C-alpha cells in the first residue's frame, strides 16, 4: 500500500500541488450551470431533499463522466482506479440551517437531513451509480476550490493511489433556489 503523506497547509492554501506531484492532464470537464444553458434546473437526486448542494455536485460530476464514458457504470477495470475529490468553499448551509431550526424548536431532526448534511454522501451517490471504488477525499477549500481540487487530484495520481480522479470544485449558494456553481475535471497522468 502506498504511504500517503499530509499536504502542507501552505501548499493547499496556494492551490499548488506538492513537489512530488506531476501536472495532471484534464481528460474532460464540466461546469454548473452549463455555459450553454445558464438557467438550467438541477436534476432531482433520490434521498437528497431540502437543499441543492448534493444535486449540484451530482449534476456536474455526472456531466463530466458522461462526456467521457457515456452511460454508467465505468468499465470494470476503471472504477477501482478512479478516485473522487471534492473541494468546496463551504458545506451544505441550507441543510444545516434546517437541522439547526429543528433543534432550536426541540423537534426531532428528520433522519434524511442528517444523511444529506455530510458532503461526501453526494460523492457516495456518484460512486454507487458509476461504479467508482477508488479513494474519496472531501475537503474545505481555502481560496480557489478548483485549484484545491486539482492539487488533491495531482497528489492522488502522483502517489499511485488512483489512475484517474474525478475532481469536483464547488462554490455552493446558501439558498435552495440558487444552487451556486460547480466545476468537474477528470484528471489522469496523461500517460498510456
N, C-alpha and C. Protein backbone atom coordinates (compact mmCIF):
# COMPACT_ATOMS: atom_id res chain seq x y z
N UNK A 1 0.84 -1.18 0.00
CA UNK A 1 0.00 0.00 0.00
C UNK A 1 0.88 1.24 0.00
N UNK A 2 0.52 2.25 -0.76
CA UNK A 2 1.29 3.48 -0.87
C UNK A 2 1.12 4.32 0.38
N UNK A 3 2.23 4.85 0.88
CA UNK A 3 2.15 5.74 2.04
C UNK A 3 1.61 7.09 1.57
N UNK A 4 0.64 7.60 2.28
CA UNK A 4 0.07 8.91 1.95
C UNK A 4 0.59 9.91 2.97
N UNK A 5 1.30 10.91 2.47
CA UNK A 5 1.85 11.94 3.35
C UNK A 5 0.93 13.14 3.35
N UNK A 6 0.78 13.82 4.50
CA UNK A 6 -0.09 15.00 4.53
C UNK A 6 0.48 16.12 3.66
N UNK A 7 -0.42 16.88 3.07
CA UNK A 7 -0.03 18.02 2.25
C UNK A 7 0.10 19.23 3.17
N UNK A 8 1.24 19.94 3.13
CA UNK A 8 1.38 21.13 3.98
C UNK A 8 0.29 22.15 3.67
N UNK A 9 -0.19 22.81 4.73
CA UNK A 9 -1.29 23.78 4.57
C UNK A 9 -0.95 24.89 3.59
N UNK A 10 0.30 25.34 3.55
CA UNK A 10 0.64 26.42 2.63
C UNK A 10 0.55 25.97 1.18
N UNK A 11 0.77 24.69 0.92
CA UNK A 11 0.64 24.18 -0.44
C UNK A 11 -0.84 24.17 -0.84
N UNK A 12 -1.71 23.66 0.04
CA UNK A 12 -3.13 23.61 -0.29
C UNK A 12 -3.72 25.01 -0.38
N UNK A 13 -3.28 25.91 0.51
CA UNK A 13 -3.81 27.27 0.51
C UNK A 13 -3.48 27.96 -0.80
N UNK A 14 -2.30 27.71 -1.31
CA UNK A 14 -1.89 28.36 -2.55
C UNK A 14 -2.45 27.66 -3.77
N UNK A 15 -3.07 26.49 -3.56
CA UNK A 15 -3.64 25.77 -4.69
C UNK A 15 -2.59 25.11 -5.55
N UNK A 16 -1.40 24.88 -4.98
CA UNK A 16 -0.32 24.24 -5.73
C UNK A 16 -0.25 22.77 -5.37
N UNK A 17 0.23 21.98 -6.30
CA UNK A 17 0.48 20.58 -6.00
C UNK A 17 1.81 20.48 -5.26
N UNK A 18 1.99 19.49 -4.39
CA UNK A 18 3.27 19.32 -3.74
C UNK A 18 4.35 19.00 -4.77
N UNK A 19 5.59 19.15 -4.36
CA UNK A 19 6.72 18.99 -5.27
C UNK A 19 6.75 17.63 -5.96
N UNK A 20 6.29 16.57 -5.24
CA UNK A 20 6.36 15.25 -5.83
C UNK A 20 5.16 14.90 -6.71
N UNK A 21 4.26 15.84 -6.91
CA UNK A 21 3.09 15.59 -7.75
C UNK A 21 3.34 16.11 -9.16
N UNK A 22 2.88 15.33 -10.14
CA UNK A 22 3.03 15.77 -11.52
C UNK A 22 1.86 16.67 -11.90
N UNK A 23 1.98 17.34 -13.01
CA UNK A 23 0.89 18.16 -13.51
C UNK A 23 -0.13 17.22 -14.14
N UNK A 24 -1.36 17.16 -13.61
CA UNK A 24 -2.34 16.23 -14.17
C UNK A 24 -2.88 16.72 -15.51
N UNK A 25 -3.31 15.76 -16.31
CA UNK A 25 -3.91 16.04 -17.60
C UNK A 25 -5.43 16.04 -17.46
N UNK A 26 -6.08 17.06 -18.01
CA UNK A 26 -7.54 17.13 -17.99
C UNK A 26 -8.07 16.33 -19.19
N UNK A 27 -8.78 15.25 -18.90
CA UNK A 27 -9.36 14.42 -19.96
C UNK A 27 -10.70 14.98 -20.43
N UNK A 28 -11.49 15.50 -19.49
CA UNK A 28 -12.77 16.11 -19.82
C UNK A 28 -13.17 17.03 -18.67
N UNK A 29 -14.11 17.92 -18.94
CA UNK A 29 -14.53 18.88 -17.93
C UNK A 29 -16.01 19.19 -18.07
N UNK A 30 -16.57 19.71 -16.97
CA UNK A 30 -17.98 20.13 -16.97
C UNK A 30 -18.13 21.24 -15.94
N UNK A 31 -19.20 21.98 -16.05
CA UNK A 31 -19.49 23.01 -15.06
C UNK A 31 -20.99 23.16 -14.90
N UNK A 32 -21.37 23.72 -13.74
CA UNK A 32 -22.77 24.02 -13.47
C UNK A 32 -22.86 25.43 -12.95
N UNK A 33 -23.73 26.26 -13.51
CA UNK A 33 -24.64 25.90 -14.59
C UNK A 33 -23.88 25.71 -15.90
N UNK A 34 -24.46 24.93 -16.80
CA UNK A 34 -23.80 24.71 -18.09
C UNK A 34 -23.69 26.03 -18.86
N UNK A 35 -22.58 26.27 -19.53
CA UNK A 35 -22.43 27.53 -20.27
C UNK A 35 -23.48 27.74 -21.34
N UNK A 36 -23.97 26.63 -21.93
CA UNK A 36 -24.97 26.74 -22.99
C UNK A 36 -26.41 26.83 -22.46
N UNK A 37 -26.58 26.71 -21.14
CA UNK A 37 -27.93 26.78 -20.54
C UNK A 37 -27.82 27.31 -19.11
N UNK A 38 -27.52 28.60 -18.95
CA UNK A 38 -27.29 29.15 -17.61
C UNK A 38 -28.52 29.11 -16.69
N UNK A 39 -29.70 28.89 -17.25
CA UNK A 39 -30.93 28.82 -16.44
C UNK A 39 -31.35 27.37 -16.18
N UNK A 40 -30.49 26.42 -16.49
CA UNK A 40 -30.83 25.00 -16.32
C UNK A 40 -31.19 24.68 -14.88
N UNK A 41 -32.14 23.76 -14.73
CA UNK A 41 -32.54 23.30 -13.39
C UNK A 41 -31.76 22.04 -13.06
N UNK A 42 -31.37 21.94 -11.81
CA UNK A 42 -30.66 20.74 -11.37
C UNK A 42 -31.58 19.53 -11.41
N UNK A 43 -31.05 18.38 -11.79
CA UNK A 43 -31.88 17.17 -11.75
C UNK A 43 -32.13 16.76 -10.29
N UNK A 44 -33.23 16.09 -10.06
CA UNK A 44 -33.51 15.58 -8.72
C UNK A 44 -32.61 14.37 -8.47
N UNK A 45 -32.16 14.26 -7.23
CA UNK A 45 -31.33 13.13 -6.83
C UNK A 45 -32.06 12.42 -5.69
N UNK A 46 -32.35 11.12 -5.84
CA UNK A 46 -33.08 10.40 -4.80
C UNK A 46 -32.42 10.55 -3.42
N UNK A 47 -33.24 10.74 -2.40
CA UNK A 47 -32.84 10.85 -0.99
C UNK A 47 -32.19 12.18 -0.64
N UNK A 48 -32.05 13.09 -1.58
CA UNK A 48 -31.47 14.40 -1.28
C UNK A 48 -32.55 15.46 -1.47
N UNK A 49 -33.06 15.97 -0.37
CA UNK A 49 -34.12 16.96 -0.41
C UNK A 49 -33.67 18.19 0.35
N UNK A 50 -34.47 19.21 0.34
CA UNK A 50 -34.27 20.45 1.10
C UNK A 50 -33.24 21.37 0.47
N UNK A 51 -32.14 20.83 0.00
CA UNK A 51 -31.01 21.64 -0.45
C UNK A 51 -30.59 21.26 -1.87
N UNK A 52 -29.95 22.20 -2.54
CA UNK A 52 -29.42 21.94 -3.88
C UNK A 52 -27.96 21.51 -3.85
N UNK A 53 -27.37 21.38 -2.64
CA UNK A 53 -25.95 21.07 -2.52
C UNK A 53 -25.59 19.74 -3.20
N UNK A 54 -26.20 18.65 -2.79
CA UNK A 54 -25.89 17.34 -3.39
C UNK A 54 -26.27 17.28 -4.87
N UNK A 55 -27.46 17.75 -5.27
CA UNK A 55 -27.77 17.73 -6.70
C UNK A 55 -26.76 18.53 -7.55
N UNK A 56 -26.22 19.61 -6.98
CA UNK A 56 -25.19 20.39 -7.69
C UNK A 56 -23.95 19.54 -7.95
N UNK A 57 -23.49 18.85 -6.91
CA UNK A 57 -22.29 18.02 -7.05
C UNK A 57 -22.53 16.84 -7.98
N UNK A 58 -23.68 16.20 -7.83
CA UNK A 58 -24.00 15.04 -8.67
C UNK A 58 -24.15 15.47 -10.13
N UNK A 59 -24.83 16.58 -10.38
CA UNK A 59 -25.05 17.03 -11.77
C UNK A 59 -23.73 17.30 -12.48
N UNK A 60 -22.84 18.02 -11.84
CA UNK A 60 -21.59 18.36 -12.52
C UNK A 60 -20.69 17.13 -12.66
N UNK A 61 -20.70 16.26 -11.66
CA UNK A 61 -19.91 15.03 -11.76
C UNK A 61 -20.42 14.11 -12.87
N UNK A 62 -21.74 13.95 -12.94
CA UNK A 62 -22.32 13.11 -13.99
C UNK A 62 -22.08 13.68 -15.38
N UNK A 63 -22.16 14.99 -15.53
CA UNK A 63 -21.89 15.60 -16.84
C UNK A 63 -20.47 15.29 -17.29
N UNK A 64 -19.53 15.37 -16.36
CA UNK A 64 -18.13 15.10 -16.69
C UNK A 64 -17.93 13.63 -17.07
N UNK A 65 -18.46 12.72 -16.25
CA UNK A 65 -18.30 11.29 -16.54
C UNK A 65 -19.04 10.88 -17.81
N UNK A 66 -20.22 11.45 -18.04
CA UNK A 66 -20.99 11.13 -19.24
C UNK A 66 -20.25 11.57 -20.49
N UNK A 67 -19.60 12.72 -20.42
CA UNK A 67 -18.83 13.21 -21.57
C UNK A 67 -17.74 12.22 -21.96
N UNK A 68 -17.15 11.58 -20.97
CA UNK A 68 -16.04 10.65 -21.23
C UNK A 68 -16.51 9.22 -21.51
N UNK A 69 -17.50 8.75 -20.73
CA UNK A 69 -17.86 7.33 -20.77
C UNK A 69 -19.26 7.02 -21.28
N UNK A 70 -20.07 8.02 -21.53
CA UNK A 70 -21.45 7.75 -21.94
C UNK A 70 -22.31 7.46 -20.72
N UNK A 71 -22.85 6.26 -20.65
CA UNK A 71 -23.73 5.91 -19.54
C UNK A 71 -23.00 5.10 -18.48
N UNK A 72 -23.49 5.16 -17.24
CA UNK A 72 -22.86 4.37 -16.18
C UNK A 72 -23.15 2.88 -16.35
N UNK A 73 -22.34 2.06 -15.73
CA UNK A 73 -21.16 2.34 -14.92
C UNK A 73 -19.90 2.41 -15.78
N UNK A 74 -18.80 2.78 -15.12
CA UNK A 74 -17.50 2.77 -15.79
C UNK A 74 -17.11 1.33 -16.09
N UNK A 75 -16.19 1.12 -17.04
CA UNK A 75 -15.71 -0.24 -17.29
C UNK A 75 -15.15 -0.84 -15.98
N UNK A 76 -15.33 -2.15 -15.77
CA UNK A 76 -14.94 -2.79 -14.52
C UNK A 76 -13.48 -2.57 -14.11
N UNK A 77 -12.58 -2.45 -15.07
CA UNK A 77 -11.17 -2.24 -14.71
C UNK A 77 -10.85 -0.77 -14.41
N UNK A 78 -11.78 0.14 -14.67
CA UNK A 78 -11.55 1.58 -14.47
C UNK A 78 -12.08 2.07 -13.13
N UNK A 79 -13.23 1.58 -12.70
CA UNK A 79 -13.86 2.03 -11.46
C UNK A 79 -12.97 1.96 -10.23
N UNK A 80 -12.27 0.83 -10.00
CA UNK A 80 -11.42 0.73 -8.81
C UNK A 80 -10.21 1.67 -8.83
N UNK A 81 -9.85 2.16 -9.98
CA UNK A 81 -8.70 3.06 -10.09
C UNK A 81 -9.12 4.52 -10.23
N UNK A 82 -10.41 4.80 -10.00
CA UNK A 82 -10.94 6.15 -10.11
C UNK A 82 -11.23 6.73 -8.73
N UNK A 83 -10.55 7.81 -8.41
CA UNK A 83 -10.76 8.49 -7.13
C UNK A 83 -11.77 9.62 -7.32
N UNK A 84 -12.37 10.01 -6.21
CA UNK A 84 -13.29 11.14 -6.19
C UNK A 84 -12.75 12.18 -5.23
N UNK A 85 -12.73 13.44 -5.66
CA UNK A 85 -12.27 14.54 -4.83
C UNK A 85 -13.33 15.63 -4.84
N UNK A 86 -13.62 16.19 -3.68
CA UNK A 86 -14.48 17.35 -3.57
C UNK A 86 -13.72 18.43 -2.81
N UNK A 87 -13.65 19.60 -3.38
CA UNK A 87 -13.13 20.78 -2.69
C UNK A 87 -14.22 21.85 -2.79
N UNK A 88 -14.80 22.18 -1.65
CA UNK A 88 -15.92 23.14 -1.64
C UNK A 88 -15.58 24.33 -0.74
N UNK A 89 -16.10 25.48 -1.10
CA UNK A 89 -15.85 26.69 -0.31
C UNK A 89 -16.64 26.69 0.99
N UNK A 90 -17.67 25.88 1.06
CA UNK A 90 -18.48 25.74 2.29
C UNK A 90 -19.28 24.46 2.17
N UNK A 91 -19.86 24.04 3.28
CA UNK A 91 -20.70 22.86 3.27
C UNK A 91 -22.12 23.19 2.88
N UNK A 92 -23.03 22.30 3.21
CA UNK A 92 -24.44 22.44 2.86
C UNK A 92 -25.13 23.31 3.91
N UNK A 93 -25.13 24.61 3.68
CA UNK A 93 -25.70 25.56 4.64
C UNK A 93 -27.22 25.45 4.76
N UNK A 94 -27.89 25.10 3.69
CA UNK A 94 -29.34 25.00 3.71
C UNK A 94 -29.78 23.83 4.60
N UNK A 95 -29.15 22.69 4.42
CA UNK A 95 -29.49 21.53 5.25
C UNK A 95 -29.10 21.78 6.70
N UNK A 96 -27.94 22.39 6.92
CA UNK A 96 -27.53 22.68 8.30
C UNK A 96 -28.51 23.64 8.97
N UNK A 97 -29.01 24.61 8.22
CA UNK A 97 -30.00 25.54 8.79
C UNK A 97 -31.29 24.80 9.15
N UNK A 98 -31.71 23.85 8.34
CA UNK A 98 -32.91 23.06 8.65
C UNK A 98 -32.71 22.22 9.90
N UNK A 99 -31.52 21.65 10.05
CA UNK A 99 -31.20 20.88 11.26
C UNK A 99 -31.19 21.80 12.48
N UNK A 100 -30.54 22.95 12.35
CA UNK A 100 -30.49 23.92 13.45
C UNK A 100 -31.89 24.37 13.86
N UNK A 101 -32.75 24.59 12.88
CA UNK A 101 -34.12 25.03 13.15
C UNK A 101 -34.88 23.96 13.95
N UNK A 102 -34.75 22.70 13.54
CA UNK A 102 -35.43 21.61 14.26
C UNK A 102 -34.92 21.52 15.70
N UNK A 103 -33.62 21.65 15.89
CA UNK A 103 -33.04 21.57 17.23
C UNK A 103 -33.52 22.75 18.09
N UNK A 104 -33.52 23.94 17.51
CA UNK A 104 -33.97 25.13 18.24
C UNK A 104 -35.42 24.99 18.70
N UNK A 105 -36.24 24.39 17.85
CA UNK A 105 -37.65 24.19 18.21
C UNK A 105 -37.89 22.91 19.01
N UNK A 106 -36.80 22.24 19.37
CA UNK A 106 -36.85 21.00 20.16
C UNK A 106 -37.69 19.92 19.47
N UNK A 107 -37.56 19.88 18.14
CA UNK A 107 -38.21 18.83 17.36
C UNK A 107 -37.15 17.80 16.96
N UNK A 108 -37.61 16.60 16.67
CA UNK A 108 -36.69 15.58 16.19
C UNK A 108 -36.18 15.97 14.81
N UNK A 109 -34.89 15.83 14.60
CA UNK A 109 -34.30 16.13 13.30
C UNK A 109 -34.62 14.99 12.34
N UNK A 110 -35.24 15.28 11.20
CA UNK A 110 -35.51 14.21 10.23
C UNK A 110 -34.23 13.51 9.81
N UNK A 111 -34.24 12.19 9.85
CA UNK A 111 -33.04 11.40 9.53
C UNK A 111 -32.45 11.71 8.15
N UNK A 112 -33.28 11.94 7.12
CA UNK A 112 -32.68 12.26 5.82
C UNK A 112 -31.79 13.52 5.86
N UNK A 113 -32.13 14.47 6.72
CA UNK A 113 -31.29 15.67 6.81
C UNK A 113 -29.91 15.34 7.36
N UNK A 114 -29.85 14.44 8.33
CA UNK A 114 -28.56 14.04 8.89
C UNK A 114 -27.71 13.34 7.83
N UNK A 115 -28.36 12.54 6.99
CA UNK A 115 -27.67 11.84 5.91
C UNK A 115 -27.12 12.83 4.87
N UNK A 116 -27.98 13.74 4.41
CA UNK A 116 -27.56 14.62 3.32
C UNK A 116 -26.67 15.76 3.79
N UNK A 117 -26.54 15.97 5.09
CA UNK A 117 -25.70 17.05 5.59
C UNK A 117 -24.21 16.75 5.47
N UNK A 118 -23.85 15.51 5.24
CA UNK A 118 -22.44 15.12 5.10
C UNK A 118 -22.05 15.29 3.63
N UNK A 119 -21.09 16.18 3.32
CA UNK A 119 -20.77 16.46 1.91
C UNK A 119 -20.38 15.23 1.09
N UNK A 120 -19.75 14.25 1.71
CA UNK A 120 -19.30 13.09 0.94
C UNK A 120 -20.44 12.17 0.51
N UNK A 121 -21.66 12.36 1.04
CA UNK A 121 -22.75 11.48 0.62
C UNK A 121 -23.10 11.68 -0.86
N UNK A 122 -22.96 12.89 -1.37
CA UNK A 122 -23.19 13.11 -2.80
C UNK A 122 -22.15 12.36 -3.62
N UNK A 123 -20.92 12.34 -3.15
CA UNK A 123 -19.87 11.58 -3.84
C UNK A 123 -20.16 10.09 -3.75
N UNK A 124 -20.70 9.66 -2.61
CA UNK A 124 -21.09 8.26 -2.47
C UNK A 124 -22.15 7.87 -3.49
N UNK A 125 -23.08 8.78 -3.74
CA UNK A 125 -24.11 8.53 -4.76
C UNK A 125 -23.45 8.33 -6.13
N UNK A 126 -22.53 9.21 -6.49
CA UNK A 126 -21.82 9.06 -7.76
C UNK A 126 -21.05 7.74 -7.80
N UNK A 127 -20.45 7.37 -6.68
CA UNK A 127 -19.69 6.11 -6.61
C UNK A 127 -20.56 4.91 -6.91
N UNK A 128 -21.74 4.87 -6.31
CA UNK A 128 -22.63 3.73 -6.49
C UNK A 128 -23.13 3.67 -7.94
N UNK A 129 -23.58 4.79 -8.46
CA UNK A 129 -24.16 4.81 -9.82
C UNK A 129 -23.10 4.49 -10.87
N UNK A 130 -21.89 5.04 -10.71
CA UNK A 130 -20.86 4.90 -11.73
C UNK A 130 -19.86 3.78 -11.47
N UNK A 131 -19.94 3.13 -10.31
CA UNK A 131 -19.01 2.04 -10.01
C UNK A 131 -17.61 2.52 -9.67
N UNK A 132 -17.52 3.67 -9.02
CA UNK A 132 -16.21 4.22 -8.64
C UNK A 132 -15.86 3.70 -7.25
N UNK A 133 -14.75 3.00 -7.13
CA UNK A 133 -14.39 2.43 -5.83
C UNK A 133 -12.98 2.83 -5.39
N UNK A 134 -12.43 3.85 -6.01
CA UNK A 134 -11.12 4.35 -5.59
C UNK A 134 -11.25 5.25 -4.37
N UNK A 135 -10.17 5.90 -3.98
CA UNK A 135 -10.20 6.79 -2.80
C UNK A 135 -11.21 7.92 -2.95
N UNK A 136 -11.72 8.40 -1.82
CA UNK A 136 -12.66 9.51 -1.79
C UNK A 136 -12.12 10.54 -0.79
N UNK A 137 -11.97 11.78 -1.25
CA UNK A 137 -11.46 12.86 -0.41
C UNK A 137 -12.40 14.05 -0.53
N UNK A 138 -12.89 14.54 0.60
CA UNK A 138 -13.73 15.74 0.62
C UNK A 138 -13.05 16.74 1.55
N UNK A 139 -12.90 17.97 1.07
CA UNK A 139 -12.18 18.97 1.84
C UNK A 139 -12.80 20.35 1.68
N UNK A 140 -12.55 21.19 2.66
CA UNK A 140 -12.95 22.58 2.58
C UNK A 140 -11.84 23.33 1.86
N UNK A 141 -12.19 24.02 0.80
CA UNK A 141 -11.20 24.75 0.02
C UNK A 141 -10.92 26.10 0.66
N UNK A 142 -9.65 26.40 0.83
CA UNK A 142 -9.24 27.72 1.29
C UNK A 142 -8.76 28.45 0.04
N UNK A 143 -9.56 29.40 -0.43
CA UNK A 143 -9.23 30.07 -1.68
C UNK A 143 -9.98 29.41 -2.83
N UNK A 144 -9.32 29.30 -3.96
CA UNK A 144 -9.91 28.78 -5.19
C UNK A 144 -10.22 27.29 -5.07
N UNK A 145 -11.49 26.89 -5.11
CA UNK A 145 -11.81 25.47 -4.95
C UNK A 145 -11.30 24.60 -6.11
N UNK A 146 -11.25 25.14 -7.32
CA UNK A 146 -10.75 24.36 -8.44
C UNK A 146 -9.25 24.08 -8.29
N UNK A 147 -8.50 25.05 -7.80
CA UNK A 147 -7.07 24.84 -7.57
C UNK A 147 -6.86 23.81 -6.46
N UNK A 148 -7.68 23.86 -5.41
CA UNK A 148 -7.56 22.89 -4.33
C UNK A 148 -7.91 21.49 -4.80
N UNK A 149 -8.95 21.36 -5.63
CA UNK A 149 -9.34 20.05 -6.16
C UNK A 149 -8.24 19.50 -7.06
N UNK A 150 -7.66 20.35 -7.89
CA UNK A 150 -6.58 19.93 -8.78
C UNK A 150 -5.36 19.47 -8.00
N UNK A 151 -4.99 20.20 -6.95
CA UNK A 151 -3.83 19.84 -6.14
C UNK A 151 -4.03 18.48 -5.47
N UNK A 152 -5.23 18.24 -4.97
CA UNK A 152 -5.52 16.95 -4.33
C UNK A 152 -5.51 15.84 -5.37
N UNK A 153 -6.08 16.09 -6.54
CA UNK A 153 -6.07 15.10 -7.62
C UNK A 153 -4.63 14.78 -8.03
N UNK A 154 -3.80 15.80 -8.17
CA UNK A 154 -2.40 15.60 -8.55
C UNK A 154 -1.68 14.71 -7.54
N UNK A 155 -1.97 14.93 -6.28
CA UNK A 155 -1.33 14.13 -5.23
C UNK A 155 -1.76 12.67 -5.31
N UNK A 156 -3.05 12.42 -5.51
CA UNK A 156 -3.54 11.04 -5.63
C UNK A 156 -2.93 10.34 -6.84
N UNK A 157 -2.78 11.06 -7.93
CA UNK A 157 -2.16 10.49 -9.12
C UNK A 157 -0.67 10.24 -8.91
N UNK A 158 0.02 11.20 -8.29
CA UNK A 158 1.47 11.09 -8.07
C UNK A 158 1.82 9.93 -7.15
N UNK A 159 0.99 9.67 -6.16
CA UNK A 159 1.28 8.58 -5.22
C UNK A 159 0.86 7.23 -5.76
N UNK A 160 0.17 7.21 -6.90
CA UNK A 160 -0.30 5.96 -7.47
C UNK A 160 -1.57 5.43 -6.82
N UNK A 161 -2.19 6.23 -5.97
CA UNK A 161 -3.42 5.79 -5.31
C UNK A 161 -4.61 5.74 -6.27
N UNK A 162 -4.48 6.36 -7.43
CA UNK A 162 -5.55 6.35 -8.43
C UNK A 162 -4.94 6.47 -9.82
N UNK A 163 -5.64 5.92 -10.79
CA UNK A 163 -5.24 6.07 -12.18
C UNK A 163 -5.90 7.26 -12.84
N UNK A 164 -7.04 7.66 -12.29
CA UNK A 164 -7.71 8.88 -12.72
C UNK A 164 -8.51 9.41 -11.54
N UNK A 165 -8.82 10.71 -11.60
CA UNK A 165 -9.51 11.36 -10.49
C UNK A 165 -10.62 12.23 -11.05
N UNK A 166 -11.84 12.01 -10.54
CA UNK A 166 -12.94 12.93 -10.81
C UNK A 166 -12.88 13.96 -9.70
N UNK A 167 -12.46 15.17 -10.04
CA UNK A 167 -12.31 16.24 -9.06
C UNK A 167 -13.43 17.25 -9.25
N UNK A 168 -14.17 17.50 -8.17
CA UNK A 168 -15.28 18.45 -8.21
C UNK A 168 -14.95 19.61 -7.30
N UNK A 169 -15.07 20.81 -7.84
CA UNK A 169 -14.87 22.04 -7.08
C UNK A 169 -16.22 22.73 -7.00
N UNK A 170 -16.59 23.18 -5.81
CA UNK A 170 -17.92 23.76 -5.66
C UNK A 170 -17.87 25.05 -4.86
N UNK A 171 -18.69 25.99 -5.29
CA UNK A 171 -18.96 27.21 -4.54
C UNK A 171 -20.47 27.27 -4.39
N UNK A 172 -21.00 26.48 -3.42
CA UNK A 172 -22.45 26.39 -3.28
C UNK A 172 -23.05 27.66 -2.70
N UNK A 173 -24.29 27.91 -3.05
CA UNK A 173 -25.02 29.06 -2.52
C UNK A 173 -25.70 28.67 -1.22
N UNK A 174 -26.33 29.63 -0.57
CA UNK A 174 -26.99 29.35 0.70
C UNK A 174 -28.51 29.42 0.58
N UNK A 175 -29.02 29.09 -0.62
CA UNK A 175 -30.46 29.12 -0.86
C UNK A 175 -30.84 27.94 -1.75
N UNK A 176 -31.97 27.27 -1.46
CA UNK A 176 -32.39 26.16 -2.32
C UNK A 176 -32.71 26.61 -3.75
N UNK A 177 -33.09 27.87 -3.92
CA UNK A 177 -33.44 28.37 -5.25
C UNK A 177 -32.21 28.70 -6.10
N UNK A 178 -31.09 28.96 -5.46
CA UNK A 178 -29.86 29.30 -6.18
C UNK A 178 -28.77 28.32 -5.75
N UNK A 179 -28.50 27.31 -6.57
CA UNK A 179 -27.59 26.25 -6.15
C UNK A 179 -26.12 26.65 -6.03
N UNK A 180 -25.72 27.71 -6.69
CA UNK A 180 -24.30 28.07 -6.71
C UNK A 180 -23.65 27.54 -7.97
N UNK A 181 -22.33 27.38 -7.90
CA UNK A 181 -21.57 26.96 -9.08
C UNK A 181 -20.69 25.77 -8.73
N UNK A 182 -20.42 24.94 -9.74
CA UNK A 182 -19.52 23.80 -9.54
C UNK A 182 -18.82 23.48 -10.85
N UNK A 183 -17.63 22.92 -10.70
CA UNK A 183 -16.81 22.53 -11.84
C UNK A 183 -16.31 21.12 -11.59
N UNK A 184 -16.20 20.33 -12.65
CA UNK A 184 -15.66 18.98 -12.53
C UNK A 184 -14.60 18.79 -13.59
N UNK A 185 -13.55 18.08 -13.21
CA UNK A 185 -12.47 17.73 -14.13
C UNK A 185 -12.16 16.25 -13.92
N UNK A 186 -11.95 15.53 -15.01
CA UNK A 186 -11.47 14.17 -14.94
C UNK A 186 -9.99 14.23 -15.27
N UNK A 187 -9.16 14.00 -14.24
CA UNK A 187 -7.72 14.10 -14.38
C UNK A 187 -7.07 12.72 -14.51
N UNK A 188 -6.01 12.68 -15.32
CA UNK A 188 -5.17 11.49 -15.43
C UNK A 188 -3.71 11.94 -15.43
N UNK A 189 -2.82 10.97 -15.50
CA UNK A 189 -1.40 11.32 -15.60
C UNK A 189 -1.02 11.69 -17.02
N UNK A 190 -1.91 11.42 -17.96
CA UNK A 190 -1.64 11.74 -19.36
C UNK A 190 -0.85 10.66 -20.07
N UNK A 191 -0.46 9.63 -19.34
CA UNK A 191 0.32 8.54 -19.93
C UNK A 191 -0.59 7.50 -20.57
N UNK A 192 0.03 6.45 -21.14
CA UNK A 192 -0.76 5.40 -21.79
C UNK A 192 -1.56 4.59 -20.80
